[in-house]
Amino acid sequence: MPRNLLYSHLSSHLPHFRTSVTSAKVAVNGVHLHYQQTGEGGHAVLLLPGMLGSGETDFGPQLKNLNKKLFTVVAWDPRGYGHSRPPDRDFPADFFERDAKDAVDLMKALKFKKVSLLGWSDGGITALIAAAKYPSYIHKMVIWGANAYVTDEDSMIYEGIRDVSKWSERTRKPLEALYGCSLTVSPGWNAVA
């Protein structure tokens, strides 16, 4: 059987799953949170970006490539980041706890009964707090680049990355496209570190 005929035959017998990525905002805890969603699987997965990141900057490959039959994938922009502005990002003492509540409440607003979390950097910290505070709602987690405490060495590293112009072009350009060329690391972020 010719290859294109075989593909046509197979694709006509396979279930069709949403492969496009939808983008929307939903009101959660007094702010409008932006998210992207794809797939129709029974396993809901929330992607949690790191500092300054968004669903599209930190998780583009995952949105595109995670199995759409197995997973419903949601990538969010925490309040004050990405397309979840206004308001601009602020850093009260409990901002990680606030982000954890926002993340869980977003997924509940989207009608998911239970979710797994993939968290990178600050998103990993947020995921760990969400699992601690809402254990019956969290199914599984994958966390990378997160920290449980900040050492003096970490503080020196944070201070060293405050000058965004010294970041690699690969890291800087997507964030400049999202936030504009006046991208800066908030002094409040350093105070928290």
N, C-alpha and C. Protein backbone atom coordinates (compact mmCIF):
# COMPACT_ATOMS: atom_id res chain seq x y z
N MET A 1 0.86 -1.17 0.00
CA MET A 1 0.00 0.00 0.00
C MET A 1 0.90 1.23 0.00
N PRO A 2 0.68 2.19 -0.89
CA PRO A 2 1.51 3.41 -0.89
C PRO A 2 1.41 4.13 0.45
N ARG A 3 2.51 4.78 0.79
CA ARG A 3 2.63 5.42 2.11
C ARG A 3 1.52 6.42 2.40
N ASN A 4 1.22 7.32 1.46
CA ASN A 4 0.18 8.34 1.74
C ASN A 4 -1.21 7.70 1.84
N LEU A 5 -1.44 6.60 1.12
CA LEU A 5 -2.71 5.91 1.22
C LEU A 5 -2.82 5.21 2.58
N LEU A 6 -1.72 4.62 3.04
CA LEU A 6 -1.68 3.98 4.35
C LEU A 6 -1.96 5.01 5.44
N TYR A 7 -1.31 6.18 5.36
CA TYR A 7 -1.55 7.25 6.35
C TYR A 7 -3.01 7.67 6.35
N SER A 8 -3.57 7.84 5.16
CA SER A 8 -4.97 8.25 5.04
C SER A 8 -5.88 7.20 5.68
N HIS A 9 -5.60 5.92 5.42
CA HIS A 9 -6.39 4.83 5.97
C HIS A 9 -6.28 4.81 7.51
N LEU A 10 -5.05 4.90 8.01
CA LEU A 10 -4.85 4.87 9.46
C LEU A 10 -5.47 6.07 10.14
N SER A 11 -5.27 7.26 9.59
CA SER A 11 -5.79 8.46 10.25
C SER A 11 -7.31 8.49 10.27
N SER A 12 -7.95 7.83 9.30
CA SER A 12 -9.41 7.82 9.30
C SER A 12 -9.96 6.89 10.38
N HIS A 13 -9.12 5.99 10.93
CA HIS A 13 -9.56 5.05 11.95
C HIS A 13 -9.06 5.41 13.35
N LEU A 14 -8.32 6.47 13.48
CA LEU A 14 -7.81 6.89 14.79
C LEU A 14 -8.70 7.98 15.36
N PRO A 15 -8.87 8.01 16.68
CA PRO A 15 -9.63 9.11 17.26
C PRO A 15 -8.87 10.43 17.05
N HIS A 16 -9.61 11.48 16.87
CA HIS A 16 -8.98 12.79 16.66
C HIS A 16 -8.93 13.54 17.98
N PHE A 17 -7.78 14.09 18.29
CA PHE A 17 -7.58 14.83 19.52
C PHE A 17 -7.14 16.24 19.18
N ARG A 18 -7.55 17.15 20.03
CA ARG A 18 -7.20 18.55 19.82
C ARG A 18 -5.69 18.71 19.92
N THR A 19 -5.10 19.22 18.87
CA THR A 19 -3.66 19.45 18.88
C THR A 19 -3.34 20.93 18.91
N SER A 20 -4.34 21.77 18.69
CA SER A 20 -4.09 23.20 18.73
C SER A 20 -3.99 23.65 20.19
N VAL A 21 -3.38 24.79 20.37
CA VAL A 21 -3.24 25.37 21.70
C VAL A 21 -4.21 26.55 21.80
N THR A 22 -5.11 26.48 22.78
CA THR A 22 -6.01 27.60 23.00
C THR A 22 -5.42 28.50 24.07
N SER A 23 -5.72 29.77 23.99
CA SER A 23 -5.19 30.77 24.91
C SER A 23 -6.37 31.58 25.44
N ALA A 24 -6.41 31.76 26.76
CA ALA A 24 -7.54 32.48 27.36
C ALA A 24 -7.12 33.05 28.72
N LYS A 25 -8.04 33.81 29.30
CA LYS A 25 -7.87 34.31 30.67
C LYS A 25 -9.10 33.92 31.47
N VAL A 26 -8.89 33.70 32.76
CA VAL A 26 -9.99 33.40 33.65
C VAL A 26 -9.77 34.17 34.96
N ALA A 27 -10.87 34.65 35.55
CA ALA A 27 -10.79 35.38 36.81
C ALA A 27 -10.56 34.40 37.95
N VAL A 28 -9.47 34.62 38.71
CA VAL A 28 -9.11 33.76 39.84
C VAL A 28 -8.55 34.66 40.94
N ASN A 29 -9.14 34.60 42.10
CA ASN A 29 -8.63 35.32 43.28
C ASN A 29 -8.38 36.80 43.01
N GLY A 30 -9.29 37.43 42.27
CA GLY A 30 -9.23 38.88 42.06
C GLY A 30 -8.36 39.34 40.91
N VAL A 31 -7.75 38.43 40.15
CA VAL A 31 -6.95 38.80 38.98
C VAL A 31 -7.38 37.93 37.80
N HIS A 32 -7.00 38.35 36.61
CA HIS A 32 -7.27 37.56 35.40
C HIS A 32 -6.00 36.83 35.01
N LEU A 33 -6.02 35.51 35.17
CA LEU A 33 -4.85 34.69 34.88
C LEU A 33 -4.91 34.15 33.46
N HIS A 34 -3.81 34.31 32.75
CA HIS A 34 -3.69 33.81 31.39
C HIS A 34 -3.20 32.36 31.43
N TYR A 35 -3.76 31.56 30.53
CA TYR A 35 -3.29 30.18 30.40
C TYR A 35 -3.40 29.74 28.95
N GLN A 36 -2.65 28.71 28.63
CA GLN A 36 -2.73 28.04 27.34
C GLN A 36 -3.08 26.59 27.63
N GLN A 37 -3.92 25.99 26.77
CA GLN A 37 -4.36 24.62 27.01
C GLN A 37 -4.37 23.84 25.71
N THR A 38 -3.98 22.57 25.80
CA THR A 38 -4.00 21.69 24.65
C THR A 38 -4.21 20.26 25.12
N GLY A 39 -4.69 19.41 24.23
CA GLY A 39 -4.90 18.00 24.52
C GLY A 39 -6.26 17.73 25.13
N GLU A 40 -6.61 16.45 25.12
CA GLU A 40 -7.90 16.01 25.66
C GLU A 40 -7.78 14.77 26.51
N GLY A 41 -6.58 14.52 27.01
CA GLY A 41 -6.36 13.34 27.82
C GLY A 41 -6.97 13.46 29.20
N GLY A 42 -7.12 12.33 29.85
CA GLY A 42 -7.73 12.30 31.18
C GLY A 42 -6.80 12.75 32.30
N HIS A 43 -5.52 12.90 32.01
CA HIS A 43 -4.54 13.31 33.02
C HIS A 43 -4.22 14.79 32.82
N ALA A 44 -4.70 15.63 33.73
CA ALA A 44 -4.44 17.08 33.65
C ALA A 44 -3.07 17.40 34.21
N VAL A 45 -2.32 18.21 33.46
CA VAL A 45 -0.96 18.60 33.86
C VAL A 45 -0.86 20.12 33.80
N LEU A 46 -0.42 20.73 34.89
CA LEU A 46 -0.18 22.18 34.92
C LEU A 46 1.31 22.43 34.87
N LEU A 47 1.73 23.29 33.94
CA LEU A 47 3.14 23.68 33.77
C LEU A 47 3.35 25.01 34.49
N LEU A 48 4.30 25.05 35.42
CA LEU A 48 4.54 26.23 36.25
C LEU A 48 5.91 26.83 35.91
N PRO A 49 5.94 28.03 35.31
CA PRO A 49 7.20 28.64 34.88
C PRO A 49 8.02 29.22 36.02
N GLY A 50 9.29 29.50 35.70
CA GLY A 50 10.19 30.13 36.66
C GLY A 50 10.06 31.64 36.66
N MET A 51 10.92 32.29 37.43
CA MET A 51 10.91 33.75 37.56
C MET A 51 10.94 34.43 36.20
N LEU A 52 10.05 35.37 36.00
CA LEU A 52 9.87 36.14 34.77
C LEU A 52 9.26 35.33 33.63
N GLY A 53 9.20 34.02 33.77
CA GLY A 53 8.74 33.16 32.69
C GLY A 53 7.23 33.16 32.53
N SER A 54 6.82 32.52 31.46
CA SER A 54 5.40 32.35 31.15
C SER A 54 5.24 30.96 30.55
N GLY A 55 3.99 30.57 30.34
CA GLY A 55 3.75 29.29 29.69
C GLY A 55 4.45 29.19 28.35
N GLU A 56 4.35 30.25 27.55
CA GLU A 56 4.93 30.19 26.21
C GLU A 56 6.45 30.27 26.21
N THR A 57 7.06 31.05 27.11
CA THR A 57 8.52 31.17 27.10
C THR A 57 9.20 29.96 27.73
N ASP A 58 8.61 29.40 28.77
CA ASP A 58 9.26 28.31 29.49
C ASP A 58 8.83 26.92 29.03
N PHE A 59 7.66 26.80 28.39
CA PHE A 59 7.11 25.48 28.12
C PHE A 59 6.58 25.28 26.70
N GLY A 60 7.09 26.04 25.74
CA GLY A 60 6.66 25.86 24.36
C GLY A 60 6.80 24.42 23.87
N PRO A 61 7.96 23.78 24.05
CA PRO A 61 8.11 22.40 23.58
C PRO A 61 7.15 21.42 24.26
N GLN A 62 6.88 21.61 25.54
CA GLN A 62 5.96 20.70 26.24
C GLN A 62 4.53 20.89 25.74
N LEU A 63 4.13 22.15 25.51
CA LEU A 63 2.80 22.38 24.96
C LEU A 63 2.64 21.71 23.60
N LYS A 64 3.70 21.74 22.83
CA LYS A 64 3.65 21.17 21.49
C LYS A 64 3.75 19.65 21.49
N ASN A 65 4.57 19.07 22.38
CA ASN A 65 4.95 17.68 22.23
C ASN A 65 4.40 16.69 23.25
N LEU A 66 3.85 17.13 24.38
CA LEU A 66 3.31 16.14 25.31
C LEU A 66 2.13 15.43 24.65
N ASN A 67 1.95 14.19 24.97
CA ASN A 67 0.93 13.35 24.34
C ASN A 67 -0.47 13.90 24.59
N LYS A 68 -1.14 14.30 23.53
CA LYS A 68 -2.48 14.92 23.62
C LYS A 68 -3.57 13.91 23.93
N LYS A 69 -3.30 12.63 23.69
CA LYS A 69 -4.28 11.59 24.02
C LYS A 69 -4.25 11.26 25.51
N LEU A 70 -3.08 11.33 26.10
CA LEU A 70 -2.94 10.99 27.52
C LEU A 70 -3.17 12.19 28.43
N PHE A 71 -2.78 13.38 27.96
CA PHE A 71 -2.76 14.55 28.83
C PHE A 71 -3.61 15.69 28.31
N THR A 72 -4.18 16.45 29.24
CA THR A 72 -4.65 17.80 28.97
C THR A 72 -3.62 18.70 29.63
N VAL A 73 -2.92 19.48 28.84
CA VAL A 73 -1.80 20.28 29.31
C VAL A 73 -2.22 21.74 29.42
N VAL A 74 -1.96 22.33 30.58
CA VAL A 74 -2.24 23.74 30.82
C VAL A 74 -0.94 24.41 31.25
N ALA A 75 -0.58 25.49 30.57
CA ALA A 75 0.58 26.29 30.97
C ALA A 75 0.05 27.66 31.38
N TRP A 76 0.39 28.09 32.56
CA TRP A 76 -0.15 29.37 33.04
C TRP A 76 0.92 30.42 33.17
N ASP A 77 0.47 31.67 33.22
CA ASP A 77 1.31 32.82 33.55
C ASP A 77 0.88 33.27 34.94
N PRO A 78 1.73 33.11 35.97
CA PRO A 78 1.34 33.57 37.31
C PRO A 78 1.03 35.07 37.31
N ARG A 79 0.27 35.49 38.27
CA ARG A 79 -0.12 36.91 38.34
C ARG A 79 1.11 37.81 38.24
N GLY A 80 0.98 38.83 37.41
CA GLY A 80 2.05 39.80 37.23
C GLY A 80 3.12 39.38 36.24
N TYR A 81 3.03 38.18 35.69
CA TYR A 81 3.99 37.69 34.70
C TYR A 81 3.28 37.46 33.36
N GLY A 82 4.05 37.57 32.29
CA GLY A 82 3.53 37.24 30.97
C GLY A 82 2.28 38.00 30.62
N HIS A 83 1.25 37.24 30.22
CA HIS A 83 -0.03 37.86 29.82
C HIS A 83 -1.00 37.96 31.00
N SER A 84 -0.57 37.64 32.20
CA SER A 84 -1.40 37.81 33.40
C SER A 84 -1.10 39.18 34.03
N ARG A 85 -0.98 40.18 33.17
CA ARG A 85 -0.77 41.57 33.59
C ARG A 85 -1.85 42.41 32.93
N PRO A 86 -2.36 43.48 33.54
CA PRO A 86 -2.04 43.89 34.91
C PRO A 86 -2.62 42.89 35.91
N PRO A 87 -2.21 42.97 37.15
CA PRO A 87 -1.25 43.91 37.75
C PRO A 87 0.18 43.48 37.45
N ASP A 88 1.13 44.40 37.66
CA ASP A 88 2.53 44.04 37.58
C ASP A 88 2.87 43.12 38.75
N ARG A 89 3.91 42.38 38.60
CA ARG A 89 4.32 41.42 39.62
C ARG A 89 4.74 42.15 40.89
N ASP A 90 4.28 41.65 42.02
CA ASP A 90 4.75 42.14 43.31
C ASP A 90 5.23 40.95 44.12
N PHE A 91 5.93 41.24 45.20
CA PHE A 91 6.58 40.19 45.97
C PHE A 91 6.30 40.33 47.46
N PRO A 92 5.05 40.14 47.89
CA PRO A 92 4.81 40.12 49.33
C PRO A 92 5.51 38.89 49.93
N ALA A 93 5.62 38.87 51.23
CA ALA A 93 6.35 37.77 51.89
C ALA A 93 5.78 36.40 51.56
N ASP A 94 4.49 36.32 51.24
CA ASP A 94 3.85 35.04 50.97
C ASP A 94 3.57 34.81 49.48
N PHE A 95 4.37 35.42 48.58
CA PHE A 95 4.03 35.33 47.16
C PHE A 95 4.05 33.90 46.63
N PHE A 96 4.92 33.02 47.13
CA PHE A 96 4.89 31.63 46.66
C PHE A 96 3.60 30.94 47.09
N GLU A 97 3.16 31.18 48.32
CA GLU A 97 1.90 30.61 48.79
C GLU A 97 0.73 31.15 47.97
N ARG A 98 0.76 32.45 47.65
CA ARG A 98 -0.29 33.05 46.83
C ARG A 98 -0.30 32.41 45.44
N ASP A 99 0.89 32.21 44.87
CA ASP A 99 0.97 31.57 43.55
C ASP A 99 0.43 30.14 43.61
N ALA A 100 0.73 29.41 44.68
CA ALA A 100 0.24 28.04 44.81
C ALA A 100 -1.28 28.02 44.86
N LYS A 101 -1.86 28.93 45.61
CA LYS A 101 -3.33 29.01 45.68
C LYS A 101 -3.90 29.41 44.32
N ASP A 102 -3.29 30.40 43.68
CA ASP A 102 -3.76 30.80 42.34
C ASP A 102 -3.71 29.62 41.36
N ALA A 103 -2.61 28.85 41.39
CA ALA A 103 -2.45 27.73 40.46
C ALA A 103 -3.53 26.67 40.68
N VAL A 104 -3.75 26.29 41.92
CA VAL A 104 -4.77 25.29 42.23
C VAL A 104 -6.16 25.83 41.89
N ASP A 105 -6.43 27.07 42.25
CA ASP A 105 -7.76 27.64 41.97
C ASP A 105 -7.99 27.82 40.47
N LEU A 106 -6.94 28.11 39.71
CA LEU A 106 -7.08 28.16 38.24
C LEU A 106 -7.53 26.80 37.72
N MET A 107 -6.86 25.74 38.14
CA MET A 107 -7.20 24.41 37.64
C MET A 107 -8.60 23.99 38.09
N LYS A 108 -9.00 24.39 39.28
CA LYS A 108 -10.37 24.12 39.73
C LYS A 108 -11.37 24.91 38.90
N ALA A 109 -11.04 26.17 38.56
CA ALA A 109 -11.92 26.98 37.72
C ALA A 109 -12.07 26.36 36.33
N LEU A 110 -11.02 25.66 35.87
CA LEU A 110 -11.07 24.98 34.58
C LEU A 110 -11.71 23.59 34.69
N LYS A 111 -12.20 23.25 35.90
CA LYS A 111 -12.98 22.03 36.16
C LYS A 111 -12.16 20.74 36.18
N PHE A 112 -10.90 20.83 36.54
CA PHE A 112 -10.11 19.62 36.68
C PHE A 112 -10.26 19.10 38.10
N LYS A 113 -10.48 17.79 38.23
CA LYS A 113 -10.71 17.17 39.54
C LYS A 113 -9.42 16.92 40.31
N LYS A 114 -8.33 16.69 39.58
CA LYS A 114 -7.02 16.40 40.17
C LYS A 114 -5.98 16.73 39.10
N VAL A 115 -4.79 17.19 39.51
CA VAL A 115 -3.78 17.60 38.53
C VAL A 115 -2.39 17.12 38.94
N SER A 116 -1.54 17.00 37.92
CA SER A 116 -0.12 16.81 38.14
C SER A 116 0.58 18.12 37.82
N LEU A 117 1.72 18.35 38.44
CA LEU A 117 2.43 19.61 38.30
C LEU A 117 3.83 19.39 37.75
N LEU A 118 4.22 20.20 36.77
CA LEU A 118 5.59 20.27 36.28
C LEU A 118 6.08 21.67 36.59
N GLY A 119 7.01 21.80 37.52
CA GLY A 119 7.46 23.11 37.97
C GLY A 119 8.94 23.32 37.79
N TRP A 120 9.28 24.45 37.20
CA TRP A 120 10.67 24.84 36.93
C TRP A 120 11.01 26.05 37.78
N SER A 121 12.12 25.99 38.54
CA SER A 121 12.64 27.12 39.31
C SER A 121 11.58 27.63 40.29
N ASP A 122 11.20 28.91 40.18
CA ASP A 122 10.16 29.42 41.08
C ASP A 122 8.86 28.63 40.93
N GLY A 123 8.59 28.14 39.72
CA GLY A 123 7.41 27.30 39.52
C GLY A 123 7.53 25.97 40.26
N GLY A 124 8.75 25.48 40.42
CA GLY A 124 8.97 24.28 41.22
C GLY A 124 8.69 24.51 42.69
N ILE A 125 9.12 25.66 43.18
CA ILE A 125 8.83 26.03 44.58
C ILE A 125 7.33 26.14 44.77
N THR A 126 6.67 26.81 43.82
CA THR A 126 5.21 26.96 43.89
C THR A 126 4.54 25.59 43.89
N ALA A 127 5.01 24.67 43.05
CA ALA A 127 4.42 23.33 42.98
C ALA A 127 4.61 22.58 44.30
N LEU A 128 5.79 22.69 44.91
CA LEU A 128 6.02 22.02 46.19
C LEU A 128 5.07 22.55 47.26
N ILE A 129 4.86 23.84 47.28
CA ILE A 129 3.94 24.43 48.26
C ILE A 129 2.51 23.99 47.96
N ALA A 130 2.13 23.96 46.69
CA ALA A 130 0.78 23.51 46.32
C ALA A 130 0.55 22.07 46.80
N ALA A 131 1.54 21.22 46.61
CA ALA A 131 1.40 19.82 47.04
C ALA A 131 1.29 19.71 48.57
N ALA A 132 2.03 20.56 49.28
CA ALA A 132 1.97 20.54 50.74
C ALA A 132 0.62 21.06 51.25
N LYS A 133 0.10 22.09 50.61
CA LYS A 133 -1.15 22.71 51.07
C LYS A 133 -2.41 22.02 50.55
N TYR A 134 -2.31 21.38 49.38
CA TYR A 134 -3.49 20.78 48.75
C TYR A 134 -3.16 19.34 48.31
N PRO A 135 -2.72 18.49 49.23
CA PRO A 135 -2.23 17.16 48.85
C PRO A 135 -3.28 16.29 48.15
N SER A 136 -4.53 16.42 48.49
CA SER A 136 -5.55 15.57 47.87
C SER A 136 -5.85 15.99 46.43
N TYR A 137 -5.42 17.19 46.04
CA TYR A 137 -5.69 17.69 44.69
C TYR A 137 -4.54 17.40 43.72
N ILE A 138 -3.34 17.14 44.26
CA ILE A 138 -2.16 16.95 43.43
C ILE A 138 -1.91 15.46 43.23
N HIS A 139 -1.83 15.05 41.96
CA HIS A 139 -1.64 13.64 41.61
C HIS A 139 -0.15 13.27 41.64
N LYS A 140 0.65 13.94 40.79
CA LYS A 140 2.09 13.69 40.71
C LYS A 140 2.80 15.01 40.44
N MET A 141 4.14 14.99 40.62
CA MET A 141 4.92 16.20 40.35
C MET A 141 6.26 15.85 39.71
N VAL A 142 6.72 16.76 38.88
CA VAL A 142 8.09 16.76 38.39
C VAL A 142 8.61 18.17 38.66
N ILE A 143 9.68 18.27 39.44
CA ILE A 143 10.23 19.55 39.87
C ILE A 143 11.70 19.59 39.49
N TRP A 144 12.14 20.72 38.93
CA TRP A 144 13.56 20.87 38.65
C TRP A 144 13.95 22.34 38.81
N GLY A 145 15.18 22.55 39.27
CA GLY A 145 15.71 23.90 39.45
C GLY A 145 15.09 24.68 40.60
N ALA A 146 14.44 23.99 41.52
CA ALA A 146 13.81 24.65 42.67
C ALA A 146 14.75 24.59 43.87
N ASN A 147 14.54 25.49 44.81
CA ASN A 147 15.35 25.45 46.02
C ASN A 147 14.45 25.52 47.24
N ALA A 148 14.93 24.94 48.35
CA ALA A 148 14.17 24.93 49.59
C ALA A 148 14.61 26.06 50.52
N TYR A 149 15.79 26.59 50.27
CA TYR A 149 16.32 27.70 51.06
C TYR A 149 17.34 28.43 50.19
N VAL A 150 17.76 29.60 50.64
CA VAL A 150 18.71 30.41 49.88
C VAL A 150 19.98 30.58 50.69
N THR A 151 21.10 30.18 50.10
CA THR A 151 22.40 30.32 50.77
C THR A 151 23.00 31.68 50.44
N ASP A 152 24.09 32.02 51.10
CA ASP A 152 24.80 33.26 50.78
C ASP A 152 25.30 33.22 49.34
N GLU A 153 25.76 32.04 48.90
CA GLU A 153 26.21 31.90 47.52
C GLU A 153 25.06 32.16 46.53
N ASP A 154 23.86 31.64 46.86
CA ASP A 154 22.69 31.88 46.01
C ASP A 154 22.41 33.38 45.91
N SER A 155 22.49 34.08 47.03
CA SER A 155 22.25 35.54 47.03
C SER A 155 23.24 36.25 46.12
N MET A 156 24.50 35.82 46.12
CA MET A 156 25.50 36.42 45.23
C MET A 156 25.15 36.14 43.77
N ILE A 157 24.70 34.93 43.49
CA ILE A 157 24.30 34.59 42.12
C ILE A 157 23.12 35.44 41.69
N TYR A 158 22.12 35.59 42.57
CA TYR A 158 20.95 36.41 42.24
C TYR A 158 21.36 37.84 41.94
N GLU A 159 22.26 38.36 42.75
CA GLU A 159 22.72 39.73 42.52
C GLU A 159 23.43 39.82 41.17
N GLY A 160 24.17 38.78 40.81
CA GLY A 160 24.90 38.77 39.54
C GLY A 160 24.01 38.71 38.32
N ILE A 161 22.78 38.21 38.45
CA ILE A 161 21.90 38.11 37.28
C ILE A 161 20.90 39.27 37.18
N ARG A 162 21.03 40.24 38.07
CA ARG A 162 20.11 41.38 38.03
C ARG A 162 20.27 42.19 36.75
N ASP A 163 21.45 42.24 36.19
CA ASP A 163 21.68 42.98 34.95
C ASP A 163 21.28 42.10 33.76
N VAL A 164 20.07 42.31 33.30
CA VAL A 164 19.49 41.50 32.24
C VAL A 164 20.29 41.60 30.95
N SER A 165 20.95 42.72 30.72
CA SER A 165 21.72 42.89 29.48
C SER A 165 22.87 41.87 29.38
N LYS A 166 23.27 41.29 30.50
CA LYS A 166 24.35 40.30 30.50
C LYS A 166 23.84 38.87 30.29
N TRP A 167 22.53 38.70 30.21
CA TRP A 167 21.98 37.37 29.98
C TRP A 167 22.25 36.96 28.54
N SER A 168 22.27 35.68 28.29
CA SER A 168 22.45 35.20 26.92
C SER A 168 21.27 35.67 26.06
N GLU A 169 21.53 35.86 24.79
CA GLU A 169 20.47 36.29 23.88
C GLU A 169 19.33 35.27 23.85
N ARG A 170 19.67 34.00 23.92
CA ARG A 170 18.66 32.94 23.89
C ARG A 170 17.69 33.06 25.07
N THR A 171 18.20 33.43 26.23
CA THR A 171 17.36 33.60 27.42
C THR A 171 16.64 34.94 27.39
N ARG A 172 17.33 35.98 27.00
CA ARG A 172 16.81 37.34 27.07
C ARG A 172 15.74 37.65 26.02
N LYS A 173 15.95 37.25 24.77
CA LYS A 173 15.07 37.67 23.65
C LYS A 173 13.60 37.30 23.84
N PRO A 174 13.26 36.05 24.22
CA PRO A 174 11.83 35.74 24.39
C PRO A 174 11.18 36.58 25.50
N LEU A 175 11.95 36.87 26.54
CA LEU A 175 11.41 37.68 27.63
C LEU A 175 11.26 39.14 27.22
N GLU A 176 12.21 39.65 26.42
CA GLU A 176 12.06 41.02 25.90
C GLU A 176 10.86 41.12 24.98
N ALA A 177 10.61 40.08 24.19
CA ALA A 177 9.43 40.08 23.32
C ALA A 177 8.15 40.11 24.14
N LEU A 178 8.16 39.46 25.28
CA LEU A 178 6.99 39.40 26.15
C LEU A 178 6.80 40.66 26.97
N TYR A 179 7.88 41.18 27.54
CA TYR A 179 7.79 42.31 28.46
C TYR A 179 8.22 43.65 27.87
N GLY A 180 8.86 43.62 26.70
CA GLY A 180 9.42 44.84 26.13
C GLY A 180 10.90 44.92 26.44
N CYS A 181 11.57 45.82 25.77
CA CYS A 181 13.04 45.92 25.91
C CYS A 181 13.47 46.47 27.25
N SER A 182 12.54 46.95 28.05
CA SER A 182 12.91 47.50 29.36
C SER A 182 12.83 46.43 30.45
N LEU A 183 13.06 45.20 30.09
CA LEU A 183 13.03 44.09 31.02
C LEU A 183 14.02 44.33 32.15
N THR A 184 13.54 44.22 33.40
CA THR A 184 14.41 44.36 34.57
C THR A 184 14.01 43.33 35.61
N VAL A 185 14.95 42.98 36.46
CA VAL A 185 14.67 42.10 37.58
C VAL A 185 14.29 43.01 38.73
N SER A 186 13.11 42.77 39.29
CA SER A 186 12.57 43.61 40.34
C SER A 186 13.45 43.62 41.58
N PRO A 187 13.63 44.79 42.18
CA PRO A 187 14.35 44.84 43.46
C PRO A 187 13.64 44.01 44.53
N GLY A 188 12.33 43.93 44.46
CA GLY A 188 11.57 43.12 45.41
C GLY A 188 11.92 41.65 45.34
N TRP A 189 12.24 41.19 44.12
CA TRP A 189 12.62 39.79 43.95
C TRP A 189 13.90 39.52 44.72
N ASN A 190 14.85 40.43 44.64
CA ASN A 190 16.11 40.25 45.36
C ASN A 190 15.90 40.29 46.86
N ALA A 191 14.99 41.15 47.31
CA ALA A 191 14.74 41.26 48.74
C ALA A 191 14.19 39.95 49.29
N VAL A 192 13.39 39.25 48.46
CA VAL A 192 12.85 37.98 48.90
C VAL A 192 13.94 36.93 48.96
N ALA A 193 14.84 36.96 47.97
CA ALA A 193 15.93 35.98 47.96
C ALA A 193 16.80 36.23 49.16
